[in-house]
Amino acid sequence: GDAGDPPSLEPGTPAKSSSSNRKVGTDVGDQAPDWTLEDQKRKKHRLEDYRGELVLIDFWATWCGPCKRAMPGLQQLHRQYEKEGLNVIGINVWEENPHEAVGYMKSKRYDYELLLRGDSVAKRYGVKGIPSYFLIGTDGEILYTARGFSPRVEEELDAKIREALELGDKPVDEMTPEELEDYEDY
């Protein structure tokens, strides 16, 4: 009989039905909690809007040294994988004046997405310290999380992104001359 059989996925069925068996949470394998935040132009962004693409969230603040040290690497990931379908999103949290975050990113010419006033999202994601990263797959599944800044975290992020985008292992000459130039500009 039909009882208890998983529903067959008809073409055109929203992906939701296949991911609904995942619990919403903040561990690897969970369905990432949805959120809505505004950028500096007051445009609303929802996590749901990025469905079908890879999303790397970085919770950060301007007063946080390790956060600032992590940002050149995030900018590099943004540059390198944007065309492949990666969205790097800096979510500014615990900031007295969010405009400082806007100014800081401008001054450094970081051009990945910046969303402001993310305290409630940080709480929902159980963020205890920053920087905190969540890599979210095309179907909303959390693929990787990390906290703090270190070369190891950068390498793991890069590897996880390449794996999720199915790009294979990174070649030895990691950066193109253009990327090196961009990188040295900071």
Protein backbone atom coordinates (compact mmCIF):
# COMPACT_ATOMS: atom_id res chain seq x y z
CA GLY A 1 0.00 0.00 0.00
CA ASP A 2 0.82 3.67 -0.09
CA ALA A 3 1.01 4.04 3.66
CA GLY A 4 4.44 5.14 4.83
CA ASP A 5 6.00 5.20 1.39
CA PRO A 6 8.16 8.27 0.76
CA PRO A 7 6.40 10.60 -1.68
CA SER A 8 7.77 10.22 -5.19
CA LEU A 9 9.32 13.45 -6.38
CA GLU A 10 7.53 14.62 -9.48
CA PRO A 11 9.49 16.98 -11.74
CA GLY A 12 8.77 20.50 -10.61
CA THR A 13 8.20 19.50 -7.00
CA PRO A 14 9.83 22.15 -4.81
CA ALA A 15 13.10 21.00 -3.25
CA LYS A 16 11.57 21.63 0.17
CA SER A 17 9.88 18.24 0.29
CA SER A 18 13.21 16.44 -0.05
CA SER A 19 14.97 18.52 2.57
CA SER A 20 12.09 18.54 5.05
CA ASN A 21 13.40 15.37 6.68
CA ARG A 22 16.42 17.36 7.91
CA LYS A 23 16.01 19.08 11.23
CA VAL A 24 16.53 22.82 11.22
CA GLY A 25 19.64 23.53 13.23
CA THR A 26 23.22 24.71 13.18
CA ASP A 27 25.20 21.47 12.98
CA VAL A 28 26.68 19.98 9.83
CA GLY A 29 23.89 18.06 8.10
CA ASP A 30 21.14 20.28 9.50
CA GLN A 31 18.86 22.53 7.49
CA ALA A 32 20.19 26.07 8.03
CA PRO A 33 17.67 28.35 9.77
CA ASP A 34 16.24 30.93 7.37
CA TRP A 35 16.74 34.64 8.07
CA THR A 36 16.02 38.05 6.61
CA LEU A 37 18.52 40.89 6.98
CA GLU A 38 19.12 44.25 5.33
CA ASP A 39 22.19 45.49 3.51
CA GLN A 40 23.39 49.10 3.79
CA LYS A 41 20.86 50.16 1.16
CA ARG A 42 18.05 48.67 3.26
CA LYS A 43 17.48 45.97 0.65
CA LYS A 44 16.22 42.80 2.28
CA HIS A 45 18.10 39.53 1.78
CA ARG A 46 16.75 36.14 2.79
CA LEU A 47 18.77 32.97 3.01
CA GLU A 48 15.94 31.39 1.01
CA ASP A 49 16.79 33.75 -1.90
CA TYR A 50 20.12 31.96 -2.36
CA ARG A 51 18.61 28.50 -2.79
CA GLY A 52 20.41 26.66 -5.57
CA GLU A 53 23.68 28.45 -4.82
CA LEU A 54 26.43 27.91 -2.29
CA VAL A 55 26.49 30.37 0.63
CA LEU A 56 29.34 31.13 3.00
CA ILE A 57 28.25 33.19 5.99
CA ASP A 58 30.81 34.97 8.14
CA PHE A 59 29.63 36.52 11.42
CA TRP A 60 32.01 39.39 12.25
CA ALA A 61 32.50 42.81 13.85
CA THR A 62 34.92 45.69 13.24
CA TRP A 63 36.31 45.53 16.81
CA CYS A 64 37.26 41.86 16.38
CA GLY A 65 40.93 41.38 15.38
CA PRO A 66 40.64 37.77 14.17
CA CYS A 67 37.58 38.78 12.10
CA LYS A 68 39.63 41.41 10.29
CA ARG A 69 42.46 38.96 9.70
CA ALA A 70 40.01 36.51 8.14
CA MET A 71 38.56 39.01 5.67
CA PRO A 72 41.28 39.06 2.98
CA GLY A 73 40.84 35.30 2.67
CA LEU A 74 37.07 35.67 2.41
CA GLN A 75 37.49 38.31 -0.27
CA GLN A 76 39.77 35.92 -2.14
CA LEU A 77 37.20 33.10 -1.92
CA HIS A 78 34.58 35.55 -3.16
CA ARG A 79 36.73 36.56 -6.15
CA GLN A 80 37.76 33.03 -6.95
CA TYR A 81 34.41 31.23 -6.71
CA GLU A 82 31.76 33.90 -7.29
CA LYS A 83 31.31 32.88 -10.93
CA GLU A 84 31.08 29.23 -9.91
CA GLY A 85 28.09 30.01 -7.69
CA LEU A 86 29.52 30.92 -4.28
CA ASN A 87 27.95 33.79 -2.32
CA VAL A 88 30.15 35.12 0.48
CA ILE A 89 28.03 37.03 2.99
CA GLY A 90 29.51 38.97 5.88
CA ILE A 91 26.90 39.32 8.63
CA ASN A 92 27.89 42.14 10.94
CA VAL A 93 27.03 41.47 14.60
CA TRP A 94 27.45 42.98 18.05
CA GLU A 95 28.38 46.31 16.50
CA GLU A 96 27.51 49.60 18.21
CA ASN A 97 27.37 51.46 14.91
CA PRO A 98 26.72 49.28 11.84
CA HIS A 99 27.94 52.11 9.60
CA GLU A 100 31.45 51.38 10.82
CA ALA A 101 31.16 47.95 9.20
CA VAL A 102 30.15 49.57 5.90
CA GLY A 103 33.07 52.01 6.13
CA TYR A 104 35.56 49.29 7.01
CA MET A 105 34.62 47.11 4.04
CA LYS A 106 34.74 50.12 1.70
CA SER A 107 38.14 51.18 2.98
CA LYS A 108 39.54 47.72 2.29
CA ARG A 109 37.67 47.38 -1.02
CA TYR A 110 36.02 44.13 0.06
CA ASP A 111 33.06 43.71 -2.24
CA TYR A 112 31.33 40.56 -1.01
CA GLU A 113 27.83 40.98 0.41
CA LEU A 114 27.54 42.79 3.74
CA LEU A 115 24.39 42.45 5.86
CA LEU A 116 23.88 44.53 8.98
CA ARG A 117 22.35 44.15 12.44
CA GLY A 118 22.67 40.38 12.45
CA ASP A 119 22.49 39.86 16.22
CA SER A 120 19.23 37.90 16.14
CA VAL A 121 20.60 35.64 13.40
CA ALA A 122 23.80 35.06 15.38
CA LYS A 123 21.65 34.05 18.33
CA ARG A 124 19.60 31.69 16.18
CA TYR A 125 22.79 30.14 14.82
CA GLY A 126 24.20 29.71 18.33
CA VAL A 127 27.21 31.92 17.61
CA LYS A 128 29.31 32.19 20.77
CA GLY A 129 32.40 33.82 19.32
CA ILE A 130 33.44 35.49 16.10
CA PRO A 131 34.44 35.08 13.40
CA SER A 132 32.03 32.18 12.92
CA TYR A 133 31.53 30.57 9.53
CA PHE A 134 28.70 28.52 8.10
CA LEU A 135 28.96 27.01 4.64
CA ILE A 136 25.46 26.26 3.36
CA GLY A 137 24.83 24.00 0.38
CA THR A 138 22.58 24.60 -2.61
CA ASP A 139 19.69 22.85 -0.86
CA GLY A 140 20.11 24.71 2.44
CA GLU A 141 22.12 22.02 4.22
CA ILE A 142 24.97 23.11 6.48
CA LEU A 143 28.14 21.62 5.00
CA TYR A 144 30.80 23.07 7.29
CA THR A 145 31.11 25.29 10.34
CA ALA A 146 34.13 26.79 12.04
CA ARG A 147 35.00 29.48 14.53
CA GLY A 148 38.03 31.73 14.81
CA PHE A 149 40.68 32.57 12.26
CA SER A 150 43.52 30.27 11.25
CA PRO A 151 45.23 29.11 8.08
CA ARG A 152 43.75 25.66 8.76
CA VAL A 153 40.21 27.06 8.72
CA GLU A 154 40.99 28.90 5.47
CA GLU A 155 42.28 25.71 3.86
CA GLU A 156 39.30 23.68 5.06
CA LEU A 157 36.85 26.29 3.79
CA ASP A 158 38.55 26.36 0.41
CA ALA A 159 38.49 22.55 0.18
CA LYS A 160 34.83 22.33 1.26
CA ILE A 161 33.83 25.00 -1.29
CA ARG A 162 35.68 23.23 -4.09
CA GLU A 163 34.06 19.95 -3.08
CA ALA A 164 30.57 21.50 -2.97
CA LEU A 165 31.09 23.16 -6.36
CA GLU A 166 32.56 19.91 -7.70
CA LEU A 167 35.76 21.60 -8.83
CA GLY A 168 38.16 18.86 -7.76
CA ASP A 169 41.42 19.53 -5.95
CA LYS A 170 43.15 22.84 -6.12
CA PRO A 171 46.09 23.15 -8.52
CA VAL A 172 49.49 23.92 -7.04
CA ASP A 173 49.76 27.40 -8.55
CA GLU A 174 46.78 28.49 -6.52
CA MET A 175 46.48 32.13 -7.55
CA THR A 176 46.41 33.70 -10.95
CA PRO A 177 48.67 36.74 -11.40
CA GLU A 178 45.55 38.95 -11.29
CA GLU A 179 44.49 37.44 -8.00
CA LEU A 180 47.97 37.89 -6.60
CA GLU A 181 47.89 41.53 -7.65
CA ASP A 182 44.45 42.05 -6.10
CA TYR A 183 45.59 40.29 -2.98
CA GLU A 184 48.74 42.38 -2.62
CA ASP A 185 46.73 45.59 -3.01
CA TYR A 186 45.14 45.18 0.41
